[in-house]
C-alpha atoms as a PDB file:
ATOM      1  CA  MET A   1     112.346  81.271  71.524  1.00  0.00           C
ATOM      2  CA  GLN A   2     111.006  80.103  68.182  1.00  0.00           C
ATOM      3  CA  ASN A   3     109.539  76.591  68.373  1.00  0.00           C
ATOM      4  CA  GLN A   4     108.398  76.499  64.746  1.00  0.00           C
ATOM      5  CA  VAL A   5     110.434  76.971  61.620  1.00  0.00           C
ATOM      6  CA  ARG A   6     109.564  77.792  58.017  1.00  0.00           C
ATOM      7  CA  LEU A   7     111.908  76.223  55.500  1.00  0.00           C
ATOM      8  CA  GLY A   8     112.274  79.277  53.312  1.00  0.00           C
ATOM      9  CA  LYS A   9     110.603  79.310  49.914  1.00  0.00           C
ATOM     10  CA  THR A  10     109.358  75.742  50.340  1.00  0.00           C
ATOM     11  CA  GLY A  11     106.650  77.097  52.633  1.00  0.00           C
ATOM     12  CA  ILE A  12     107.047  74.005  54.828  1.00  0.00           C
ATOM     13  CA  VAL A  13     106.366  74.872  58.479  1.00  0.00           C
ATOM     14  CA  VAL A  14     107.183  72.333  61.205  1.00  0.00           C
ATOM     15  CA  ASN A  15     108.319  72.333  64.826  1.00  0.00           C
ATOM     16  CA  LYS A  16     112.046  72.348  65.533  1.00  0.00           C
ATOM     17  CA  ASN A  17     112.205  68.566  65.761  1.00  0.00           C
ATOM     18  CA  GLY A  18     113.334  66.892  62.566  1.00  0.00           C
ATOM     19  CA  PHE A  19     113.728  63.107  62.743  1.00  0.00           C
ATOM     20  CA  GLY A  20     117.121  62.019  61.388  1.00  0.00           C
ATOM     21  CA  ALA A  21     116.546  58.522  60.049  1.00  0.00           C
ATOM     22  CA  LEU A  22     120.147  57.391  59.573  1.00  0.00           C
ATOM     23  CA  PRO A  23     120.340  55.511  62.933  1.00  0.00           C
ATOM     24  CA  ILE A  24     117.182  53.451  62.342  1.00  0.00           C
ATOM     25  CA  GLN A  25     119.080  51.380  59.773  1.00  0.00           C
ATOM     26  CA  ARG A  26     120.712  49.758  62.819  1.00  0.00           C
ATOM     27  CA  VAL A  27     117.448  48.469  64.330  1.00  0.00           C
ATOM     28  CA  SER A  28     114.794  45.981  63.188  1.00  0.00           C
ATOM     29  CA  ASP A  29     111.840  46.881  60.990  1.00  0.00           C
ATOM     30  CA  GLU A  30     109.539  46.456  63.983  1.00  0.00           C
ATOM     31  CA  THR A  31     111.559  48.775  66.234  1.00  0.00           C
ATOM     32  CA  ALA A  32     112.026  51.363  63.481  1.00  0.00           C
ATOM     33  CA  VAL A  33     108.317  51.457  62.648  1.00  0.00           C
ATOM     34  CA  TYR A  34     107.473  51.792  66.349  1.00  0.00           C
ATOM     35  CA  LEU A  35     109.866  54.743  66.757  1.00  0.00           C
ATOM     36  CA  LEU A  36     108.736  56.466  63.566  1.00  0.00           C
ATOM     37  CA  ARG A  37     105.041  56.141  64.390  1.00  0.00           C
ATOM     38  CA  LYS A  38     105.629  57.305  67.954  1.00  0.00           C
ATOM     39  CA  ALA A  39     107.515  60.317  66.593  1.00  0.00           C
ATOM     40  CA  TYR A  40     104.621  61.119  64.263  1.00  0.00           C
ATOM     41  CA  GLU A  41     101.977  60.642  66.933  1.00  0.00           C
ATOM     42  CA  GLY A  42     104.032  62.846  69.269  1.00  0.00           C
ATOM     43  CA  GLY A  43     104.032  65.727  66.793  1.00  0.00           C
ATOM     44  CA  ILE A  44     107.151  65.324  64.650  1.00  0.00           C
ATOM     45  CA  ARG A  45     106.346  65.989  61.007  1.00  0.00           C
ATOM     46  CA  PHE A  46     109.721  66.194  59.229  1.00  0.00           C
ATOM     47  CA  PHE A  47     111.682  63.030  58.461  1.00  0.00           C
ATOM     48  CA  ASP A  48     115.086  62.989  56.734  1.00  0.00           C
ATOM     49  CA  THR A  49     116.616  59.910  55.119  1.00  0.00           C
ATOM     50  CA  ALA A  50     118.812  58.984  52.128  1.00  0.00           C
ATOM     51  CA  ARG A  51     119.414  56.280  49.564  1.00  0.00           C
ATOM     52  CA  ALA A  52     122.810  55.757  51.222  1.00  0.00           C
ATOM     53  CA  TYR A  53     121.213  54.811  54.566  1.00  0.00           C
ATOM     54  CA  SER A  54     120.747  51.138  53.584  1.00  0.00           C
ATOM     55  CA  ASP A  55     117.125  50.208  54.520  1.00  0.00           C
ATOM     56  CA  SER A  56     116.137  53.498  56.202  1.00  0.00           C
ATOM     57  CA  GLU A  57     113.817  54.540  53.353  1.00  0.00           C
ATOM     58  CA  HIS A  58     112.163  51.117  53.426  1.00  0.00           C
ATOM     59  CA  LYS A  59     111.397  51.540  57.126  1.00  0.00           C
ATOM     60  CA  LEU A  60     109.862  54.971  56.585  1.00  0.00           C
ATOM     61  CA  GLY A  61     107.708  53.466  53.867  1.00  0.00           C
ATOM     62  CA  LEU A  62     106.451  50.785  56.245  1.00  0.00           C
ATOM     63  CA  ALA A  63     105.721  53.312  58.987  1.00  0.00           C
ATOM     64  CA  PHE A  64     103.925  55.961  56.979  1.00  0.00           C
ATOM     65  CA  GLU A  65     101.894  54.049  54.427  1.00  0.00           C
ATOM     66  CA  GLY A  66      98.389  55.481  54.614  1.00  0.00           C
ATOM     67  CA  ILE A  67      99.363  58.749  56.344  1.00  0.00           C
ATOM     68  CA  ARG A  68     101.915  60.020  53.840  1.00  0.00           C
ATOM     69  CA  GLU A  69     100.060  63.274  53.126  1.00  0.00           C
ATOM     70  CA  ASN A  70     100.276  64.319  56.781  1.00  0.00           C
ATOM     71  CA  LEU A  71     104.061  64.662  56.974  1.00  0.00           C
ATOM     72  CA  TYR A  72     107.155  65.760  55.099  1.00  0.00           C
ATOM     73  CA  ILE A  73     109.874  63.435  53.822  1.00  0.00           C
ATOM     74  CA  ALA A  74     113.306  64.521  52.638  1.00  0.00           C
ATOM     75  CA  THR A  75     115.705  62.082  51.042  1.00  0.00           C
ATOM     76  CA  LYS A  76     118.996  62.298  49.172  1.00  0.00           C
ATOM     77  CA  SER A  77     120.894  60.943  46.201  1.00  0.00           C
ATOM     78  CA  GLY A  78     124.657  60.671  46.016  1.00  0.00           C
ATOM     79  CA  ALA A  79     124.485  59.974  42.279  1.00  0.00           C
ATOM     80  CA  GLN A  80     127.161  61.495  40.053  1.00  0.00           C
ATOM     81  CA  THR A  81     125.086  61.609  36.874  1.00  0.00           C
ATOM     82  CA  GLY A  82     121.557  62.561  35.945  1.00  0.00           C
ATOM     83  CA  GLU A  83     120.819  59.036  34.780  1.00  0.00           C
ATOM     84  CA  ALA A  84     121.984  57.533  38.073  1.00  0.00           C
ATOM     85  CA  MET A  85     119.953  60.122  39.991  1.00  0.00           C
ATOM     86  CA  ARG A  86     116.791  59.112  38.121  1.00  0.00           C
ATOM     87  CA  GLU A  87     117.421  55.504  39.166  1.00  0.00           C
ATOM     88  CA  ASP A  88     117.963  56.596  42.771  1.00  0.00           C
ATOM     89  CA  LEU A  89     114.722  58.573  42.748  1.00  0.00           C
ATOM     90  CA  LYS A  90     112.791  55.643  41.305  1.00  0.00           C
ATOM     91  CA  LYS A  91     114.110  53.372  44.056  1.00  0.00           C
ATOM     92  CA  SER A  92     113.408  55.967  46.767  1.00  0.00           C
ATOM     93  CA  LEU A  93     109.796  56.334  45.659  1.00  0.00           C
ATOM     94  CA  GLU A  94     109.379  52.549  45.752  1.00  0.00           C
ATOM     95  CA  ASN A  95     110.992  52.225  49.180  1.00  0.00           C
ATOM     96  CA  LEU A  96     109.002  55.082  50.673  1.00  0.00           C
ATOM     97  CA  LYS A  97     105.743  53.810  49.154  1.00  0.00           C
ATOM     98  CA  THR A  98     104.944  57.251  47.798  1.00  0.00           C
ATOM     99  CA  ASP A  99     104.668  59.026  44.469  1.00  0.00           C
ATOM    100  CA  TYR A 100     106.473  62.200  45.543  1.00  0.00           C
ATOM    101  CA  ILE A 101     109.355  63.436  47.717  1.00  0.00           C
ATOM    102  CA  ASP A 102     108.898  66.740  49.559  1.00  0.00           C
ATOM    103  CA  ILE A 103     112.589  67.724  49.464  1.00  0.00           C
ATOM    104  CA  TYR A 104     115.005  65.878  47.206  1.00  0.00           C
ATOM    105  CA  GLN A 105     118.626  66.665  48.038  1.00  0.00           C
ATOM    106  CA  PHE A 106     121.954  66.170  46.284  1.00  0.00           C
ATOM    107  CA  HIS A 107     123.956  64.268  48.913  1.00  0.00           C
ATOM    108  CA  ASN A 108     127.246  66.036  49.718  1.00  0.00           C
ATOM    109  CA  PRO A 109     128.466  66.648  46.146  1.00  0.00           C
ATOM    110  CA  ALA A 110     132.015  67.977  45.737  1.00  0.00           C
ATOM    111  CA  PHE A 111     130.595  70.736  43.516  1.00  0.00           C
ATOM    112  CA  CYS A 112     127.390  72.739  43.179  1.00  0.00           C
ATOM    113  CA  PRO A 113     125.197  71.079  40.506  1.00  0.00           C
ATOM    114  CA  ARG A 114     123.770  73.581  38.010  1.00  0.00           C
ATOM    115  CA  PRO A 115     121.503  73.412  34.969  1.00  0.00           C
ATOM    116  CA  GLY A 116     123.417  72.421  31.846  1.00  0.00           C
ATOM    117  CA  ASP A 117     126.572  71.201  33.580  1.00  0.00           C
ATOM    118  CA  ASP A 118     128.315  67.963  32.602  1.00  0.00           C
ATOM    119  CA  SER A 119     126.785  65.941  35.434  1.00  0.00           C
ATOM    120  CA  GLY A 120     123.181  66.449  34.343  1.00  0.00           C
ATOM    121  CA  LEU A 121     122.108  66.212  38.003  1.00  0.00           C
ATOM    122  CA  TYR A 122     120.216  69.486  38.268  1.00  0.00           C
ATOM    123  CA  ASP A 123     118.512  68.971  34.923  1.00  0.00           C
ATOM    124  CA  ALA A 124     117.315  65.535  36.081  1.00  0.00           C
ATOM    125  CA  ALA A 125     115.975  67.075  39.301  1.00  0.00           C
ATOM    126  CA  LEU A 126     114.148  69.786  37.358  1.00  0.00           C
ATOM    127  CA  GLU A 127     112.612  67.147  35.113  1.00  0.00           C
ATOM    128  CA  ALA A 128     111.448  65.159  38.168  1.00  0.00           C
ATOM    129  CA  LYS A 129     109.997  68.318  39.687  1.00  0.00           C
ATOM    130  CA  LYS A 130     108.008  69.042  36.540  1.00  0.00           C
ATOM    131  CA  GLU A 131     106.700  65.464  36.666  1.00  0.00           C
ATOM    132  CA  GLY A 132     105.575  65.973  40.282  1.00  0.00           C
ATOM    133  CA  LYS A 133     107.954  63.346  41.646  1.00  0.00           C
ATOM    134  CA  ILE A 134     109.761  65.895  43.800  1.00  0.00           C
ATOM    135  CA  ARG A 135     108.414  69.158  45.180  1.00  0.00           C
ATOM    136  CA  HIS A 136     111.563  71.010  46.232  1.00  0.00           C
ATOM    137  CA  ILE A 137     115.247  70.754  45.324  1.00  0.00           C
ATOM    138  CA  GLY A 138     117.839  70.883  48.106  1.00  0.00           C
ATOM    139  CA  ILE A 139     121.504  70.179  48.667  1.00  0.00           C
ATOM    140  CA  THR A 140     123.524  68.800  51.585  1.00  0.00           C
ATOM    141  CA  ASN A 141     127.185  69.428  52.202  1.00  0.00           C
ATOM    142  CA  HIS A 142     130.093  69.502  54.617  1.00  0.00           C
ATOM    143  CA  ARG A 143     132.124  71.982  52.583  1.00  0.00           C
ATOM    144  CA  ILE A 144     131.745  75.707  53.311  1.00  0.00           C
ATOM    145  CA  LYS A 145     132.652  76.727  49.754  1.00  0.00           C
ATOM    146  CA  VAL A 146     130.094  74.440  48.106  1.00  0.00           C
ATOM    147  CA  ALA A 147     127.452  75.551  50.600  1.00  0.00           C
ATOM    148  CA  GLN A 148     128.176  79.213  49.915  1.00  0.00           C
ATOM    149  CA  GLU A 149     128.005  78.624  46.168  1.00  0.00           C
ATOM    150  CA  ALA A 150     124.674  76.814  46.534  1.00  0.00           C
ATOM    151  CA  ILE A 151     123.202  79.751  48.462  1.00  0.00           C
ATOM    152  CA  GLU A 152     124.519  82.336  46.021  1.00  0.00           C
ATOM    153  CA  SER A 153     123.278  80.348  43.013  1.00  0.00           C
ATOM    154  CA  GLY A 154     119.623  80.808  43.916  1.00  0.00           C
ATOM    155  CA  LEU A 155     119.007  77.292  42.576  1.00  0.00           C
ATOM    156  CA  TYR A 156     118.202  75.590  45.872  1.00  0.00           C
ATOM    157  CA  GLU A 157     115.319  75.849  48.294  1.00  0.00           C
ATOM    158  CA  THR A 158     117.119  74.181  51.212  1.00  0.00           C
ATOM    159  CA  LEU A 159     120.661  73.657  52.464  1.00  0.00           C
ATOM    160  CA  GLN A 160     121.504  70.854  54.881  1.00  0.00           C
ATOM    161  CA  PHE A 161     124.770  71.520  56.702  1.00  0.00           C
ATOM    162  CA  PRO A 162     126.382  70.560  60.031  1.00  0.00           C
ATOM    163  CA  PHE A 163     125.276  73.025  62.711  1.00  0.00           C
ATOM    164  CA  CYS A 164     125.248  72.900  66.493  1.00  0.00           C
ATOM    165  CA  TYR A 165     126.583  74.957  69.378  1.00  0.00           C
ATOM    166  CA  LEU A 166     130.122  74.036  68.331  1.00  0.00           C
ATOM    167  CA  ALA A 167     129.585  75.960  65.095  1.00  0.00           C
ATOM    168  CA  THR A 168     132.122  78.511  63.894  1.00  0.00           C
ATOM    169  CA  ASP A 169     131.425  82.095  62.841  1.00  0.00           C
ATOM    170  CA  LYS A 170     131.570  80.902  59.222  1.00  0.00           C
ATOM    171  CA  ASP A 171     128.870  78.323  59.937  1.00  0.00           C
ATOM    172  CA  GLU A 172     126.648  80.965  61.526  1.00  0.00           C
ATOM    173  CA  ALA A 173     127.230  83.170  58.486  1.00  0.00           C
ATOM    174  CA  LEU A 174     125.767  80.389  56.326  1.00  0.00           C
ATOM    175  CA  VAL A 175     122.629  80.367  58.481  1.00  0.00           C
ATOM    176  CA  GLU A 176     122.262  84.119  58.070  1.00  0.00           C
ATOM    177  CA  ALA A 177     122.903  83.926  54.315  1.00  0.00           C
ATOM    178  CA  CYS A 178     120.137  81.316  54.012  1.00  0.00           C
ATOM    179  CA  ARG A 179     117.769  83.533  56.004  1.00  0.00           C
ATOM    180  CA  LYS A 180     118.424  86.473  53.691  1.00  0.00           C
ATOM    181  CA  ALA A 181     117.961  84.255  50.630  1.00  0.00           C
ATOM    182  CA  ASP A 182     114.720  82.807  52.053  1.00  0.00           C
ATOM    183  CA  MET A 183     116.326  79.381  51.864  1.00  0.00           C
ATOM    184  CA  GLY A 184     115.578  76.658  54.401  1.00  0.00           C
ATOM    185  CA  PHE A 185     118.469  75.615  56.655  1.00  0.00           C
ATOM    186  CA  ILE A 186     118.392  71.991  57.861  1.00  0.00           C
ATOM    187  CA  ALA A 187     120.942  71.357  60.615  1.00  0.00           C
ATOM    188  CA  MET A 188     122.594  67.939  60.458  1.00  0.00           C
ATOM    189  CA  LYS A 189     124.976  66.776  63.180  1.00  0.00           C
ATOM    190  CA  ALA A 190     122.898  68.776  65.672  1.00  0.00           C
ATOM    191  CA  LEU A 191     124.508  66.674  68.423  1.00  0.00           C
ATOM    192  CA  SER A 192     127.903  66.706  66.674  1.00  0.00           C
ATOM    193  CA  GLY A 193     127.892  62.975  66.004  1.00  0.00           C
ATOM    194  CA  GLY A 194     127.370  62.115  69.670  1.00  0.00           C
ATOM    195  CA  MET A 195     129.917  64.567  71.088  1.00  0.00           C
ATOM    196  CA  ILE A 196     127.102  66.711  72.508  1.00  0.00           C
ATOM    197  CA  THR A 197     125.332  64.812  75.283  1.00  0.00           C
ATOM    198  CA  ASN A 198     122.927  67.458  76.602  1.00  0.00           C
ATOM    199  CA  SER A 199     119.996  67.599  74.188  1.00  0.00           C
ATOM    200  CA  ALA A 200     118.349  70.485  76.081  1.00  0.00           C
ATOM    201  CA  ALA A 201     121.414  72.662  75.474  1.00  0.00           C
ATOM    202  CA  ALA A 202     121.500  71.656  71.796  1.00  0.00           C
ATOM    203  CA  TYR A 203     117.792  72.412  71.414  1.00  0.00           C
ATOM    204  CA  ALA A 204     118.028  75.760  73.219  1.00  0.00           C
ATOM    205  CA  HIS A 205     120.918  76.795  70.974  1.00  0.00           C
ATOM    206  CA  ALA A 206     119.042  75.855  67.785  1.00  0.00           C
ATOM    207  CA  GLY A 207     116.005  77.744  69.062  1.00  0.00           C
ATOM    208  CA  GLN A 208     117.934  80.992  68.846  1.00  0.00           C
ATOM    209  CA  PHE A 209     117.998  80.783  65.035  1.00  0.00           C
ATOM    210  CA  GLU A 210     114.568  81.294  63.524  1.00  0.00           C
ATOM    211  CA  ASN A 211     115.331  79.594  60.187  1.00  0.00           C
ATOM    212  CA  VAL A 212     117.157  76.493  61.491  1.00  0.00           C
ATOM    213  CA  LEU A 213     115.497  73.067  61.544  1.00  0.00           C
ATOM    214  CA  PRO A 214     117.668  70.607  63.513  1.00  0.00           C
ATOM    215  CA  ILE A 215     117.342  66.935  62.648  1.00  0.00           C
ATOM    216  CA  TRP A 216     118.066  64.644  65.569  1.00  0.00           C
ATOM    217  CA  GLY A 217     119.467  61.181  64.883  1.00  0.00           C
ATOM    218  CA  VAL A 218     117.155  58.829  66.785  1.00  0.00           C
ATOM    219  CA  GLN A 219     117.810  55.152  67.499  1.00  0.00           C
ATOM    220  CA  ARG A 220     116.441  54.605  71.015  1.00  0.00           C
ATOM    221  CA  GLU A 221     113.048  55.370  72.518  1.00  0.00           C
ATOM    222  CA  ARG A 222     114.512  57.333  75.448  1.00  0.00           C
ATOM    223  CA  GLU A 223     116.231  59.659  72.954  1.00  0.00           C
ATOM    224  CA  LEU A 224     112.975  60.185  71.112  1.00  0.00           C
ATOM    225  CA  ASP A 225     111.117  60.870  74.358  1.00  0.00           C
ATOM    226  CA  GLU A 226     113.498  63.719  75.164  1.00  0.00           C
ATOM    227  CA  PHE A 227     112.826  65.487  71.880  1.00  0.00           C
ATOM    228  CA  LEU A 228     109.092  64.862  71.991  1.00  0.00           C
ATOM    229  CA  SER A 229     108.981  66.523  75.424  1.00  0.00           C
ATOM    230  CA  TYR A 230     110.502  69.647  73.886  1.00  0.00           C
ATOM    231  CA  ILE A 231     107.579  70.171  71.500  1.00  0.00           C
ATOM    232  CA  ASP A 232     105.338  71.516  74.269  1.00  0.00           C
ATOM    233  CA  ASN A 233     108.146  72.552  76.633  1.00  0.00           C
ATOM    234  CA  PRO A 234     111.063  73.814  74.527  1.00  0.00           C
ATOM    235  CA  PRO A 235     114.217  74.410  76.602  1.00  0.00           C
ATOM    236  CA  ALA A 236     115.164  78.072  76.856  1.00  0.00           C
ATOM    237  CA  MET A 237     118.760  79.231  77.048  1.00  0.00           C
ATOM    238  CA  THR A 238     119.557  79.554  80.758  1.00  0.00           C
ATOM    239  CA  LYS A 239     122.716  80.675  82.500  1.00  0.00           C
ATOM    240  CA  GLU A 240     123.459  77.035  83.392  1.00  0.00           C
ATOM    241  CA  LEU A 241     123.044  75.799  79.819  1.00  0.00           C
ATOM    242  CA  SER A 242     125.096  78.687  78.501  1.00  0.00           C
ATOM    243  CA  GLN A 243     127.935  77.854  80.898  1.00  0.00           C
ATOM    244  CA  MET A 244     127.818  74.201  79.896  1.00  0.00           C
ATOM    245  CA  ILE A 245     127.969  75.142  76.211  1.00  0.00           C
ATOM    246  CA  GLU A 246     131.015  77.326  76.824  1.00  0.00           C
ATOM    247  CA  LYS A 247     132.706  74.449  78.657  1.00  0.00           C
ATOM    248  CA  ASP A 248     132.037  72.114  75.697  1.00  0.00           C
ATOM    249  CA  ARG A 249     133.294  74.698  73.242  1.00  0.00           C
ATOM    250  CA  LYS A 250     136.600  74.897  75.090  1.00  0.00           C
ATOM    251  CA  GLU A 251     136.962  71.114  75.354  1.00  0.00           C
ATOM    252  CA  LEU A 252     136.078  70.506  71.716  1.00  0.00           C
ATOM    253  CA  ALA A 253     137.929  73.438  70.203  1.00  0.00           C
ATOM    254  CA  GLY A 254     140.358  72.785  67.380  1.00  0.00           C
ATOM    255  CA  ASP A 255     140.633  69.759  65.127  1.00  0.00           C
ATOM    256  CA  PHE A 256     138.375  66.888  66.019  1.00  0.00           C
ATOM    257  CA  CYS A 257     136.609  64.230  63.977  1.00  0.00           C
ATOM    258  CA  ARG A 258     132.865  64.861  63.527  1.00  0.00           C
ATOM    259  CA  GLY A 259     132.269  61.231  62.559  1.00  0.00           C
ATOM    260  CA  CYS A 260     130.677  62.102  59.201  1.00  0.00           C
ATOM    261  CA  GLY A 261     132.227  59.035  57.549  1.00  0.00           C
ATOM    262  CA  TYR A 262     133.098  60.645  54.207  1.00  0.00           C
ATOM    263  CA  CYS A 263     136.662  59.324  54.645  1.00  0.00           C
ATOM    264  CA  MET A 264     135.377  55.767  54.439  1.00  0.00           C
ATOM    265  CA  PRO A 265     135.959  53.078  53.379  1.00  0.00           C
ATOM    266  CA  CYS A 266     139.575  52.707  54.500  1.00  0.00           C
ATOM    267  CA  PRO A 267     141.745  50.378  52.362  1.00  0.00           C
ATOM    268  CA  ALA A 268     143.385  49.124  55.582  1.00  0.00           C
ATOM    269  CA  GLY A 269     140.008  48.355  57.162  1.00  0.00           C
ATOM    270  CA  ILE A 270     140.250  51.050  59.862  1.00  0.00           C
ATOM    271  CA  GLU A 271     136.914  52.284  61.209  1.00  0.00           C
ATOM    272  CA  ILE A 272     138.123  55.865  60.881  1.00  0.00           C
ATOM    273  CA  ASN A 273     134.929  57.684  61.838  1.00  0.00           C
ATOM    274  CA  THR A 274     135.008  55.968  65.251  1.00  0.00           C
ATOM    275  CA  CYS A 275     138.740  55.558  65.860  1.00  0.00           C
ATOM    276  CA  ALA A 276     139.684  59.139  64.984  1.00  0.00           C
ATOM    277  CA  ARG A 277     137.508  60.466  67.800  1.00  0.00           C
ATOM    278  CA  MET A 278     138.038  57.735  70.373  1.00  0.00           C
ATOM    279  CA  SER A 279     139.697  60.047  72.902  1.00  0.00           C
ATOM    280  CA  LEU A 280     136.558  62.164  72.998  1.00  0.00           C
ATOM    281  CA  LEU A 281     134.242  59.161  73.102  1.00  0.00           C
ATOM    282  CA  LEU A 282     136.120  57.764  76.091  1.00  0.00           C
ATOM    283  CA  ARG A 283     135.658  61.026  77.970  1.00  0.00           C
ATOM    284  CA  ARG A 284     132.135  61.936  76.925  1.00  0.00           C
ATOM    285  CA  SER A 285     130.393  58.573  77.251  1.00  0.00           C
ATOM    286  CA  PRO A 286     130.830  55.486  79.484  1.00  0.00           C
ATOM    287  CA  SER A 287     134.287  54.164  78.635  1.00  0.00           C
ATOM    288  CA  ALA A 288     133.644  50.466  79.328  1.00  0.00           C
ATOM    289  CA  GLY A 289     131.886  49.906  76.009  1.00  0.00           C
ATOM    290  CA  TRP A 290     134.925  51.198  74.100  1.00  0.00           C
ATOM    291  CA  LEU A 291     137.497  49.191  76.059  1.00  0.00           C
ATOM    292  CA  THR A 292     136.178  45.708  75.265  1.00  0.00           C
ATOM    293  CA  GLU A 293     138.225  43.126  73.376  1.00  0.00           C
ATOM    294  CA  GLN A 294     136.331  44.072  70.229  1.00  0.00           C
ATOM    295  CA  GLY A 295     137.046  47.746  70.879  1.00  0.00           C
ATOM    296  CA  GLN A 296     140.745  47.031  71.303  1.00  0.00           C
ATOM    297  CA  GLU A 297     140.865  45.110  68.023  1.00  0.00           C
ATOM    298  CA  ARG A 298     139.176  48.055  66.304  1.00  0.00           C
ATOM    299  CA  MET A 299     141.752  50.522  67.611  1.00  0.00           C
ATOM    300  CA  LEU A 300     144.791  48.290  66.967  1.00  0.00           C
ATOM    301  CA  GLN A 301     143.793  48.208  63.306  1.00  0.00           C
ATOM    302  CA  ILE A 302     145.254  51.728  63.170  1.00  0.00           C
ATOM    303  CA  GLU A 303     148.713  50.125  63.299  1.00  0.00           C
ATOM    304  CA  LYS A 304     148.009  48.780  59.797  1.00  0.00           C
ATOM    305  CA  CYS A 305     147.553  52.279  58.373  1.00  0.00           C
ATOM    306  CA  LEU A 306     148.999  52.473  54.851  1.00  0.00           C
ATOM    307  CA  HIS A 307     149.532  56.245  55.059  1.00  0.00           C
ATOM    308  CA  CYS A 308     147.923  56.504  51.636  1.00  0.00           C
ATOM    309  CA  ASN A 309     146.241  59.759  52.764  1.00  0.00           C
ATOM    310  CA  GLN A 310     143.000  58.877  50.985  1.00  0.00           C
ATOM    311  CA  CYS A 311     141.167  59.734  54.207  1.00  0.00           C
ATOM    312  CA  SER A 312     142.784  63.176  54.445  1.00  0.00           C
ATOM    313  CA  SER A 313     141.990  63.963  50.827  1.00  0.00           C
ATOM    314  CA  LYS A 314     138.316  63.089  51.362  1.00  0.00           C
ATOM    315  CA  CYS A 315     137.895  64.846  54.727  1.00  0.00           C
ATOM    316  CA  PRO A 316     135.574  67.861  54.274  1.00  0.00           C
ATOM    317  CA  TYR A 317     137.142  69.471  57.357  1.00  0.00           C
ATOM    318  CA  GLY A 318     140.726  69.244  56.122  1.00  0.00           C
ATOM    319  CA  LEU A 319     141.934  67.066  58.995  1.00  0.00           C
ATOM    320  CA  ASP A 320     145.300  65.303  59.017  1.00  0.00           C
ATOM    321  CA  THR A 321     143.472  62.038  59.611  1.00  0.00           C
ATOM    322  CA  PRO A 322     146.474  59.642  59.859  1.00  0.00           C
ATOM    323  CA  ALA A 323     148.035  61.882  62.542  1.00  0.00           C
ATOM    324  CA  LEU A 324     144.700  62.114  64.350  1.00  0.00           C
ATOM    325  CA  LEU A 325     144.315  58.331  64.295  1.00  0.00           C
ATOM    326  CA  GLN A 326     147.803  57.839  65.736  1.00  0.00           C
ATOM    327  CA  LYS A 327     147.136  60.392  68.467  1.00  0.00           C
ATOM    328  CA  ASN A 328     143.912  58.631  69.432  1.00  0.00           C
ATOM    329  CA  LEU A 329     145.636  55.226  69.439  1.00  0.00           C
ATOM    330  CA  GLU A 330     148.361  56.445  71.797  1.00  0.00           C
ATOM    331  CA  ASP A 331     145.771  57.901  74.150  1.00  0.00           C
ATOM    332  CA  TYR A 332     143.732  54.695  73.986  1.00  0.00           C
ATOM    333  CA  LYS A 333     146.754  52.597  74.963  1.00  0.00           C
ATOM    334  CA  ASN A 334     147.417  54.927  77.897  1.00  0.00           C
ATOM    335  CA  VAL A 335     143.830  54.505  79.060  1.00  0.00           C
ATOM    336  CA  LEU A 336     144.116  50.707  78.801  1.00  0.00           C
ATOM    337  CA  ALA A 337     147.338  50.806  80.804  1.00  0.00           C
ATOM    338  CA  GLY A 338     145.660  52.881  83.497  1.00  0.00           C
ATOM    339  CA  LYS A 339     147.973  55.854  82.904  1.00  0.00           C
ATOM    340  CA  VAL A 340     145.014  58.125  82.123  1.00  0.00           C
ATOM    341  CA  SER A 341     141.594  58.152  83.819  1.00  0.00           C
ATOM    342  CA  VAL A 342     138.382  58.603  81.839  1.00  0.00           C
ATOM    343  CA  THR A 343     134.607  58.433  82.295  1.00  0.00           C
ATOM    344  CA  GLU A 344     133.419  55.260  83.985  1.00  0.00           C
END
């Protein structure tokens, strides 16, 4: 099993442990810096963040000031224009306390930015690259068509896309297309937004693809410790892990919410990216935390759905989100009433 990965033409080589820095926006500066430094000292060298992750960049800047040259930082801009992207980049550099970004990514655009298009995004990135502010241009997405277009364009050095052992044949085809194009593949949602609870199985699956760098969302020290242990002792695919993966694939087959949050915000105040997958959360994690008074209030908000279908139109997976929310609410009420048993 490969325990190192080269991110295509970037030439970046790291172990198969990328640190996903979205969750650290939920913890204090002190805790975030502790986790980030422990990750670095344990051997993790690739850290992924974004302007959209509130103070995540700021926390990376605090943690890595003075050792910046020893690691790789990827960040993202969700800007819609070249001018706005330049402002995002300026702010990212300030937050990260650095004068360059290793991989600068367009954050889930609805199209594939190209030189000379109306958005001006790619031209702004090229300009920043010439100035030495960014070293490599990447793109992230949740849409197969945009991802395919980005690969075929030859304009990008990395693609960040959801990938885990719940991946479809089309997802695996993207990985292979990136390999052939010598393009780095960064796997987001490597634990499927919390649906996958066995990190060893997730790691062993990723290890089967030589060009895939999974980024693990880390918020707690015990989570980090698991991934750090895999640097020297990477889990291999065993019969037991393979059977467990097949079981998960059957349970999670079909339409389910990945929790990406691109449907948000909801005009009715529904926390869609949690509520639309509540049935799975109740069965794949301790249920008590979801059945509190606060949890009940969150789910009952679904009854205020306006059926505006904004969420469905923004869902990169084409889900009928209002129907999915209603289905989860009905199941939740059955669990509360004791009609259905779930994980304790």
